[in-house]
Amino acid sequence: MDEIADIPRNLAVANPPSRFAICSVEDDGGDGFLLGWGIATTDRVHVYSVEDNMTGQLGSLNAIGYLFGEAHEIVWIDPRPEGLDGPG
């Protein structure tokens, strides 16, 4: 029975989501601020805004611009998932 339980555990350990922060980027070089947090896998991105309780499930990092605007930067806390589309 333990061998069956090991299959999902091994998949989870081999493919953990990666955490990241979404930070504003100021055009004038001023201090930015934290817009939100997210987790990503190779084919899905989940984001959570800090200010207005907005959440989203996206197909790529490119779609974050639709939610948070173009003036943002992705700051990875964990290694970026291989094969994930978009900047950052």
PDB file of N, CA and C in Angstrom:
ATOM      1  N   MET A   1       0.816  -1.196   0.000  1.00  0.00           N
ATOM      2  CA  MET A   1       0.000   0.000   0.000  1.00  0.00           C
ATOM      3  C   MET A   1       0.860   1.261   0.000  1.00  0.00           C
ATOM      4  N   ASP A   2       2.014   1.213   0.647  1.00  0.00           N
ATOM      5  CA  ASP A   2       2.887   2.383   0.692  1.00  0.00           C
ATOM      6  C   ASP A   2       3.380   2.775  -0.690  1.00  0.00           C
ATOM      7  N   GLU A   3       3.567   1.792  -1.579  1.00  0.00           N
ATOM      8  CA  GLU A   3       4.029   2.111  -2.932  1.00  0.00           C
ATOM      9  C   GLU A   3       3.002   2.960  -3.675  1.00  0.00           C
ATOM     10  N   ILE A   4       1.726   2.696  -3.481  1.00  0.00           N
ATOM     11  CA  ILE A   4       0.674   3.486  -4.122  1.00  0.00           C
ATOM     12  C   ILE A   4       0.670   4.904  -3.558  1.00  0.00           C
ATOM     13  N   ALA A   5       0.841   5.051  -2.273  1.00  0.00           N
ATOM     14  CA  ALA A   5       0.880   6.382  -1.652  1.00  0.00           C
ATOM     15  C   ALA A   5       2.116   7.160  -2.080  1.00  0.00           C
ATOM     16  N   ASP A   6       3.185   6.462  -2.422  1.00  0.00           N
ATOM     17  CA  ASP A   6       4.421   7.132  -2.842  1.00  0.00           C
ATOM     18  C   ASP A   6       4.286   7.811  -4.198  1.00  0.00           C
ATOM     19  N   ILE A   7       3.406   7.343  -5.062  1.00  0.00           N
ATOM     20  CA  ILE A   7       3.286   7.911  -6.414  1.00  0.00           C
ATOM     21  C   ILE A   7       2.889   9.382  -6.363  1.00  0.00           C
ATOM     22  N   PRO A   8       1.775   9.760  -5.736  1.00  0.00           N
ATOM     23  CA  PRO A   8       1.450  11.198  -5.708  1.00  0.00           C
ATOM     24  C   PRO A   8       2.465  12.017  -4.908  1.00  0.00           C
ATOM     25  N   ARG A   9       3.004  11.437  -3.853  1.00  0.00           N
ATOM     26  CA  ARG A   9       4.009  12.146  -3.064  1.00  0.00           C
ATOM     27  C   ARG A   9       5.245  12.436  -3.912  1.00  0.00           C
ATOM     28  N   ASN A  10       5.699  11.460  -4.676  1.00  0.00           N
ATOM     29  CA  ASN A  10       6.866  11.645  -5.541  1.00  0.00           C
ATOM     30  C   ASN A  10       6.590  12.679  -6.629  1.00  0.00           C
ATOM     31  N   LEU A  11       5.379  12.675  -7.191  1.00  0.00           N
ATOM     32  CA  LEU A  11       5.013  13.683  -8.191  1.00  0.00           C
ATOM     33  C   LEU A  11       5.020  15.082  -7.586  1.00  0.00           C
ATOM     34  N   ALA A  12       4.488  15.209  -6.380  1.00  0.00           N
ATOM     35  CA  ALA A  12       4.451  16.517  -5.720  1.00  0.00           C
ATOM     36  C   ALA A  12       5.854  17.016  -5.403  1.00  0.00           C
ATOM     37  N   VAL A  13       6.719  16.142  -4.947  1.00  0.00           N
ATOM     38  CA  VAL A  13       8.093  16.536  -4.621  1.00  0.00           C
ATOM     39  C   VAL A  13       8.863  16.897  -5.883  1.00  0.00           C
ATOM     40  N   ALA A  14       8.623  16.204  -6.975  1.00  0.00           N
ATOM     41  CA  ALA A  14       9.350  16.451  -8.226  1.00  0.00           C
ATOM     42  C   ALA A  14       8.858  17.695  -8.961  1.00  0.00           C
ATOM     43  N   ASN A  15       7.622  18.130  -8.695  1.00  0.00           N
ATOM     44  CA  ASN A  15       7.030  19.259  -9.423  1.00  0.00           C
ATOM     45  C   ASN A  15       6.390  20.280  -8.486  1.00  0.00           C
ATOM     46  N   PRO A  16       7.136  20.832  -7.539  1.00  0.00           N
ATOM     47  CA  PRO A  16       6.514  21.792  -6.622  1.00  0.00           C
ATOM     48  C   PRO A  16       6.242  23.117  -7.318  1.00  0.00           C
ATOM     49  N   PRO A  17       5.227  23.853  -6.876  1.00  0.00           N
ATOM     50  CA  PRO A  17       5.019  25.197  -7.427  1.00  0.00           C
ATOM     51  C   PRO A  17       6.122  26.123  -6.936  1.00  0.00           C
ATOM     52  N   SER A  18       6.362  27.171  -7.693  1.00  0.00           N
ATOM     53  CA  SER A  18       7.373  28.169  -7.342  1.00  0.00           C
ATOM     54  C   SER A  18       6.690  29.461  -6.921  1.00  0.00           C
ATOM     55  N   ARG A  19       7.165  30.050  -5.840  1.00  0.00           N
ATOM     56  CA  ARG A  19       6.595  31.293  -5.327  1.00  0.00           C
ATOM     57  C   ARG A  19       7.274  32.493  -5.978  1.00  0.00           C
ATOM     58  N   PHE A  20       6.498  33.563  -6.147  1.00  0.00           N
ATOM     59  CA  PHE A  20       7.061  34.806  -6.664  1.00  0.00           C
ATOM     60  C   PHE A  20       6.283  35.994  -6.120  1.00  0.00           C
ATOM     61  N   ALA A  21       6.905  37.163  -6.198  1.00  0.00           N
ATOM     62  CA  ALA A  21       6.256  38.420  -5.832  1.00  0.00           C
ATOM     63  C   ALA A  21       6.079  39.246  -7.094  1.00  0.00           C
ATOM     64  N   ILE A  22       5.025  40.058  -7.120  1.00  0.00           N
ATOM     65  CA  ILE A  22       4.778  40.988  -8.220  1.00  0.00           C
ATOM     66  C   ILE A  22       5.004  42.382  -7.647  1.00  0.00           C
ATOM     67  N   CYS A  23       6.004  43.073  -8.175  1.00  0.00           N
ATOM     68  CA  CYS A  23       6.388  44.386  -7.647  1.00  0.00           C
ATOM     69  C   CYS A  23       6.182  45.453  -8.707  1.00  0.00           C
ATOM     70  N   SER A  24       5.767  46.636  -8.269  1.00  0.00           N
ATOM     71  CA  SER A  24       5.619  47.752  -9.202  1.00  0.00           C
ATOM     72  C   SER A  24       7.001  48.256  -9.591  1.00  0.00           C
ATOM     73  N   VAL A  25       7.079  48.834 -10.773  1.00  0.00           N
ATOM     74  CA  VAL A  25       8.308  49.460 -11.257  1.00  0.00           C
ATOM     75  C   VAL A  25       7.947  50.894 -11.610  1.00  0.00           C
ATOM     76  N   GLU A  26       8.599  51.836 -10.984  1.00  0.00           N
ATOM     77  CA  GLU A  26       8.323  53.253 -11.219  1.00  0.00           C
ATOM     78  C   GLU A  26       9.194  53.775 -12.358  1.00  0.00           C
ATOM     79  N   ASP A  27       8.582  54.450 -13.341  1.00  0.00           N
ATOM     80  CA  ASP A  27       9.308  54.987 -14.494  1.00  0.00           C
ATOM     81  C   ASP A  27      10.367  56.004 -14.100  1.00  0.00           C
ATOM     82  N   ASP A  28      10.115  56.750 -13.037  1.00  0.00           N
ATOM     83  CA  ASP A  28      11.049  57.805 -12.636  1.00  0.00           C
ATOM     84  C   ASP A  28      12.159  57.306 -11.717  1.00  0.00           C
ATOM     85  N   GLY A  29      12.232  55.994 -11.530  1.00  0.00           N
ATOM     86  CA  GLY A  29      13.260  55.426 -10.670  1.00  0.00           C
ATOM     87  C   GLY A  29      12.916  55.462  -9.194  1.00  0.00           C
ATOM     88  N   GLY A  30      11.709  55.911  -8.873  1.00  0.00           N
ATOM     89  CA  GLY A  30      11.279  55.957  -7.479  1.00  0.00           C
ATOM     90  C   GLY A  30      11.058  54.562  -6.918  1.00  0.00           C
ATOM     91  N   ASP A  31      10.808  54.525  -5.630  1.00  0.00           N
ATOM     92  CA  ASP A  31      10.574  53.247  -4.970  1.00  0.00           C
ATOM     93  C   ASP A  31       9.315  52.587  -5.512  1.00  0.00           C
ATOM     94  N   GLY A  32       9.422  51.321  -5.803  1.00  0.00           N
ATOM     95  CA  GLY A  32       8.257  50.542  -6.181  1.00  0.00           C
ATOM     96  C   GLY A  32       7.589  50.011  -4.921  1.00  0.00           C
ATOM     97  N   PHE A  33       6.605  49.151  -5.107  1.00  0.00           N
ATOM     98  CA  PHE A  33       5.929  48.566  -3.961  1.00  0.00           C
ATOM     99  C   PHE A  33       5.389  47.204  -4.356  1.00  0.00           C
ATOM    100  N   LEU A  34       4.998  46.430  -3.371  1.00  0.00           N
ATOM    101  CA  LEU A  34       4.492  45.082  -3.580  1.00  0.00           C
ATOM    102  C   LEU A  34       3.058  45.138  -4.086  1.00  0.00           C
ATOM    103  N   LEU A  35       2.809  44.536  -5.237  1.00  0.00           N
ATOM    104  CA  LEU A  35       1.462  44.469  -5.809  1.00  0.00           C
ATOM    105  C   LEU A  35       0.748  43.180  -5.424  1.00  0.00           C
ATOM    106  N   GLY A  36       1.498  42.077  -5.373  1.00  0.00           N
ATOM    107  CA  GLY A  36       0.869  40.803  -5.087  1.00  0.00           C
ATOM    108  C   GLY A  36       1.877  39.675  -4.988  1.00  0.00           C
ATOM    109  N   TRP A  37       1.331  38.495  -4.770  1.00  0.00           N
ATOM    110  CA  TRP A  37       2.116  37.275  -4.649  1.00  0.00           C
ATOM    111  C   TRP A  37       1.569  36.255  -5.633  1.00  0.00           C
ATOM    112  N   GLY A  38       2.367  35.248  -5.940  1.00  0.00           N
ATOM    113  CA  GLY A  38       1.878  34.200  -6.809  1.00  0.00           C
ATOM    114  C   GLY A  38       2.627  32.900  -6.623  1.00  0.00           C
ATOM    115  N   ILE A  39       2.044  31.861  -7.177  1.00  0.00           N
ATOM    116  CA  ILE A  39       2.716  30.572  -7.299  1.00  0.00           C
ATOM    117  C   ILE A  39       2.546  30.123  -8.741  1.00  0.00           C
ATOM    118  N   ALA A  40       3.533  29.410  -9.239  1.00  0.00           N
ATOM    119  CA  ALA A  40       3.512  28.992 -10.638  1.00  0.00           C
ATOM    120  C   ALA A  40       3.992  27.559 -10.776  1.00  0.00           C
ATOM    121  N   THR A  41       3.385  26.861 -11.733  1.00  0.00           N
ATOM    122  CA  THR A  41       3.860  25.560 -12.178  1.00  0.00           C
ATOM    123  C   THR A  41       4.245  25.722 -13.645  1.00  0.00           C
ATOM    124  N   THR A  42       4.604  24.651 -14.301  1.00  0.00           N
ATOM    125  CA  THR A  42       5.026  24.765 -15.694  1.00  0.00           C
ATOM    126  C   THR A  42       3.915  25.234 -16.618  1.00  0.00           C
ATOM    127  N   ASP A  43       2.655  25.062 -16.236  1.00  0.00           N
ATOM    128  CA  ASP A  43       1.561  25.423 -17.145  1.00  0.00           C
ATOM    129  C   ASP A  43       0.465  26.298 -16.526  1.00  0.00           C
ATOM    130  N   ARG A  44       0.673  26.788 -15.317  1.00  0.00           N
ATOM    131  CA  ARG A  44      -0.380  27.565 -14.659  1.00  0.00           C
ATOM    132  C   ARG A  44       0.243  28.552 -13.684  1.00  0.00           C
ATOM    133  N   VAL A  45      -0.393  29.732 -13.573  1.00  0.00           N
ATOM    134  CA  VAL A  45       0.053  30.777 -12.654  1.00  0.00           C
ATOM    135  C   VAL A  45      -1.150  31.207 -11.816  1.00  0.00           C
ATOM    136  N   HIS A  46      -0.984  31.269 -10.505  1.00  0.00           N
ATOM    137  CA  HIS A  46      -2.023  31.749  -9.597  1.00  0.00           C
ATOM    138  C   HIS A  46      -1.500  33.015  -8.937  1.00  0.00           C
ATOM    139  N   VAL A  47      -2.289  34.089  -8.970  1.00  0.00           N
ATOM    140  CA  VAL A  47      -1.854  35.362  -8.393  1.00  0.00           C
ATOM    141  C   VAL A  47      -2.869  35.867  -7.369  1.00  0.00           C
ATOM    142  N   TYR A  48      -2.356  36.613  -6.397  1.00  0.00           N
ATOM    143  CA  TYR A  48      -3.158  37.167  -5.313  1.00  0.00           C
ATOM    144  C   TYR A  48      -2.688  38.598  -5.084  1.00  0.00           C
ATOM    145  N   SER A  49      -3.566  39.577  -5.260  1.00  0.00           N
ATOM    146  CA  SER A  49      -3.163  40.969  -5.063  1.00  0.00           C
ATOM    147  C   SER A  49      -3.118  41.297  -3.575  1.00  0.00           C
ATOM    148  N   VAL A  50      -2.300  42.265  -3.231  1.00  0.00           N
ATOM    149  CA  VAL A  50      -2.155  42.687  -1.846  1.00  0.00           C
ATOM    150  C   VAL A  50      -3.273  43.648  -1.450  1.00  0.00           C
ATOM    151  N   GLU A  51      -3.661  44.531  -2.351  1.00  0.00           N
ATOM    152  CA  GLU A  51      -4.553  45.644  -2.005  1.00  0.00           C
ATOM    153  C   GLU A  51      -6.047  45.324  -2.104  1.00  0.00           C
ATOM    154  N   ASP A  52      -6.486  44.755  -3.201  1.00  0.00           N
ATOM    155  CA  ASP A  52      -7.930  44.688  -3.448  1.00  0.00           C
ATOM    156  C   ASP A  52      -8.510  43.272  -3.498  1.00  0.00           C
ATOM    157  N   ASN A  53      -7.833  42.324  -2.898  1.00  0.00           N
ATOM    158  CA  ASN A  53      -8.318  40.943  -2.822  1.00  0.00           C
ATOM    159  C   ASN A  53      -8.611  40.326  -4.181  1.00  0.00           C
ATOM    160  N   MET A  54      -7.933  40.781  -5.218  1.00  0.00           N
ATOM    161  CA  MET A  54      -8.091  40.214  -6.549  1.00  0.00           C
ATOM    162  C   MET A  54      -7.235  38.947  -6.641  1.00  0.00           C
ATOM    163  N   THR A  55      -7.804  37.911  -7.223  1.00  0.00           N
ATOM    164  CA  THR A  55      -7.060  36.683  -7.465  1.00  0.00           C
ATOM    165  C   THR A  55      -7.258  36.279  -8.910  1.00  0.00           C
ATOM    166  N   GLY A  56      -6.374  35.447  -9.402  1.00  0.00           N
ATOM    167  CA  GLY A  56      -6.529  34.972 -10.761  1.00  0.00           C
ATOM    168  C   GLY A  56      -5.759  33.696 -11.008  1.00  0.00           C
ATOM    169  N   GLN A  57      -6.292  32.885 -11.902  1.00  0.00           N
ATOM    170  CA  GLN A  57      -5.614  31.690 -12.380  1.00  0.00           C
ATOM    171  C   GLN A  57      -5.339  31.930 -13.849  1.00  0.00           C
ATOM    172  N   LEU A  58      -4.067  31.964 -14.220  1.00  0.00           N
ATOM    173  CA  LEU A  58      -3.659  32.369 -15.554  1.00  0.00           C
ATOM    174  C   LEU A  58      -2.877  31.259 -16.241  1.00  0.00           C
ATOM    175  N   GLY A  59      -2.841  31.325 -17.570  1.00  0.00           N
ATOM    176  CA  GLY A  59      -2.107  30.333 -18.341  1.00  0.00           C
ATOM    177  C   GLY A  59      -0.640  30.651 -18.518  1.00  0.00           C
ATOM    178  N   SER A  60      -0.245  31.903 -18.244  1.00  0.00           N
ATOM    179  CA  SER A  60       1.160  32.281 -18.393  1.00  0.00           C
ATOM    180  C   SER A  60       1.442  33.551 -17.602  1.00  0.00           C
ATOM    181  N   LEU A  61       2.716  33.858 -17.461  1.00  0.00           N
ATOM    182  CA  LEU A  61       3.113  35.102 -16.799  1.00  0.00           C
ATOM    183  C   LEU A  61       2.716  36.322 -17.613  1.00  0.00           C
ATOM    184  N   ASN A  62       2.596  36.175 -18.926  1.00  0.00           N
ATOM    185  CA  ASN A  62       2.223  37.307 -19.784  1.00  0.00           C
ATOM    186  C   ASN A  62       0.903  37.940 -19.357  1.00  0.00           C
ATOM    187  N   ALA A  63      -0.023  37.136 -18.876  1.00  0.00           N
ATOM    188  CA  ALA A  63      -1.348  37.634 -18.506  1.00  0.00           C
ATOM    189  C   ALA A  63      -1.335  38.484 -17.239  1.00  0.00           C
ATOM    190  N   ILE A  64      -0.259  38.452 -16.461  1.00  0.00           N
ATOM    191  CA  ILE A  64      -0.189  39.263 -15.245  1.00  0.00           C
ATOM    192  C   ILE A  64      -0.298  40.742 -15.581  1.00  0.00           C
ATOM    193  N   GLY A  65       0.200  41.149 -16.742  1.00  0.00           N
ATOM    194  CA  GLY A  65       0.111  42.544 -17.165  1.00  0.00           C
ATOM    195  C   GLY A  65      -1.321  43.031 -17.287  1.00  0.00           C
ATOM    196  N   TYR A  66      -2.247  42.146 -17.641  1.00  0.00           N
ATOM    197  CA  TYR A  66      -3.656  42.534 -17.737  1.00  0.00           C
ATOM    198  C   TYR A  66      -4.240  42.854 -16.360  1.00  0.00           C
ATOM    199  N   LEU A  67      -3.748  42.188 -15.336  1.00  0.00           N
ATOM    200  CA  LEU A  67      -4.271  42.401 -13.988  1.00  0.00           C
ATOM    201  C   LEU A  67      -3.553  43.518 -13.233  1.00  0.00           C
ATOM    202  N   PHE A  68      -2.237  43.607 -13.408  1.00  0.00           N
ATOM    203  CA  PHE A  68      -1.439  44.532 -12.603  1.00  0.00           C
ATOM    204  C   PHE A  68      -0.810  45.660 -13.410  1.00  0.00           C
ATOM    205  N   GLY A  69      -1.064  45.724 -14.703  1.00  0.00           N
ATOM    206  CA  GLY A  69      -0.462  46.756 -15.537  1.00  0.00           C
ATOM    207  C   GLY A  69       0.915  46.337 -16.033  1.00  0.00           C
ATOM    208  N   GLU A  70       1.402  47.090 -16.980  1.00  0.00           N
ATOM    209  CA  GLU A  70       2.674  46.734 -17.607  1.00  0.00           C
ATOM    210  C   GLU A  70       3.886  47.089 -16.754  1.00  0.00           C
ATOM    211  N   ALA A  71       3.743  48.030 -15.837  1.00  0.00           N
ATOM    212  CA  ALA A  71       4.888  48.487 -15.038  1.00  0.00           C
ATOM    213  C   ALA A  71       5.050  47.613 -13.793  1.00  0.00           C
ATOM    214  N   HIS A  72       5.430  46.347 -14.008  1.00  0.00           N
ATOM    215  CA  HIS A  72       5.648  45.440 -12.890  1.00  0.00           C
ATOM    216  C   HIS A  72       6.857  44.554 -13.176  1.00  0.00           C
ATOM    217  N   GLU A  73       7.359  43.951 -12.129  1.00  0.00           N
ATOM    218  CA  GLU A  73       8.487  43.030 -12.236  1.00  0.00           C
ATOM    219  C   GLU A  73       8.168  41.797 -11.408  1.00  0.00           C
ATOM    220  N   ILE A  74       8.521  40.631 -11.947  1.00  0.00           N
ATOM    221  CA  ILE A  74       8.364  39.378 -11.219  1.00  0.00           C
ATOM    222  C   ILE A  74       9.665  39.108 -10.469  1.00  0.00           C
ATOM    223  N   VAL A  75       9.566  38.886  -9.164  1.00  0.00           N
ATOM    224  CA  VAL A  75      10.730  38.565  -8.341  1.00  0.00           C
ATOM    225  C   VAL A  75      10.535  37.139  -7.825  1.00  0.00           C
ATOM    226  N   TRP A  76      11.373  36.233  -8.291  1.00  0.00           N
ATOM    227  CA  TRP A  76      11.234  34.823  -7.929  1.00  0.00           C
ATOM    228  C   TRP A  76      11.816  34.555  -6.552  1.00  0.00           C
ATOM    229  N   ILE A  77      11.072  33.852  -5.726  1.00  0.00           N
ATOM    230  CA  ILE A  77      11.523  33.410  -4.416  1.00  0.00           C
ATOM    231  C   ILE A  77      12.115  32.014  -4.547  1.00  0.00           C
ATOM    232  N   ASP A  78      11.453  31.180  -5.326  1.00  0.00           N
ATOM    233  CA  ASP A  78      11.916  29.827  -5.633  1.00  0.00           C
ATOM    234  C   ASP A  78      12.372  29.814  -7.088  1.00  0.00           C
ATOM    235  N   PRO A  79      13.067  28.761  -7.518  1.00  0.00           N
ATOM    236  CA  PRO A  79      13.458  28.693  -8.934  1.00  0.00           C
ATOM    237  C   PRO A  79      12.235  28.745  -9.851  1.00  0.00           C
ATOM    238  N   ARG A  80      12.361  29.500 -10.932  1.00  0.00           N
ATOM    239  CA  ARG A  80      11.287  29.611 -11.919  1.00  0.00           C
ATOM    240  C   ARG A  80      11.045  28.243 -12.562  1.00  0.00           C
ATOM    241  N   PRO A  81       9.780  27.831 -12.717  1.00  0.00           N
ATOM    242  CA  PRO A  81       9.500  26.543 -13.356  1.00  0.00           C
ATOM    243  C   PRO A  81       9.993  26.521 -14.805  1.00  0.00           C
ATOM    244  N   GLU A  82      10.637  25.447 -15.190  1.00  0.00           N
ATOM    245  CA  GLU A  82      11.097  25.310 -16.569  1.00  0.00           C
ATOM    246  C   GLU A  82       9.898  25.216 -17.498  1.00  0.00           C
ATOM    247  N   GLY A  83       9.980  25.887 -18.632  1.00  0.00           N
ATOM    248  CA  GLY A  83       8.926  25.823 -19.626  1.00  0.00           C
ATOM    249  C   GLY A  83       7.797  26.810 -19.423  1.00  0.00           C
ATOM    250  N   LEU A  84       7.831  27.601 -18.366  1.00  0.00           N
ATOM    251  CA  LEU A  84       6.776  28.583 -18.111  1.00  0.00           C
ATOM    252  C   LEU A  84       6.923  29.754 -19.070  1.00  0.00           C
ATOM    253  N   ASP A  85       5.837  30.125 -19.753  1.00  0.00           N
ATOM    254  CA  ASP A  85       5.857  31.232 -20.711  1.00  0.00           C
ATOM    255  C   ASP A  85       5.827  32.571 -20.002  1.00  0.00           C
ATOM    256  N   GLY A  86       6.463  33.556 -20.625  1.00  0.00           N
ATOM    257  CA  GLY A  86       6.367  34.930 -20.157  1.00  0.00           C
ATOM    258  C   GLY A  86       7.651  35.454 -19.553  1.00  0.00           C
ATOM    259  N   PRO A  87       7.675  36.763 -19.304  1.00  0.00           N
ATOM    260  CA  PRO A  87       8.870  37.400 -18.743  1.00  0.00           C
ATOM    261  C   PRO A  87       9.046  37.053 -17.271  1.00  0.00           C
ATOM    262  N   GLY A  88      10.193  37.375 -16.772  1.00  0.00           N
ATOM    263  CA  GLY A  88      10.436  37.172 -15.354  1.00  0.00           C
ATOM    264  C   GLY A  88      11.478  36.158 -15.131  1.00  0.00           C
TER     265      GLY A  88
END
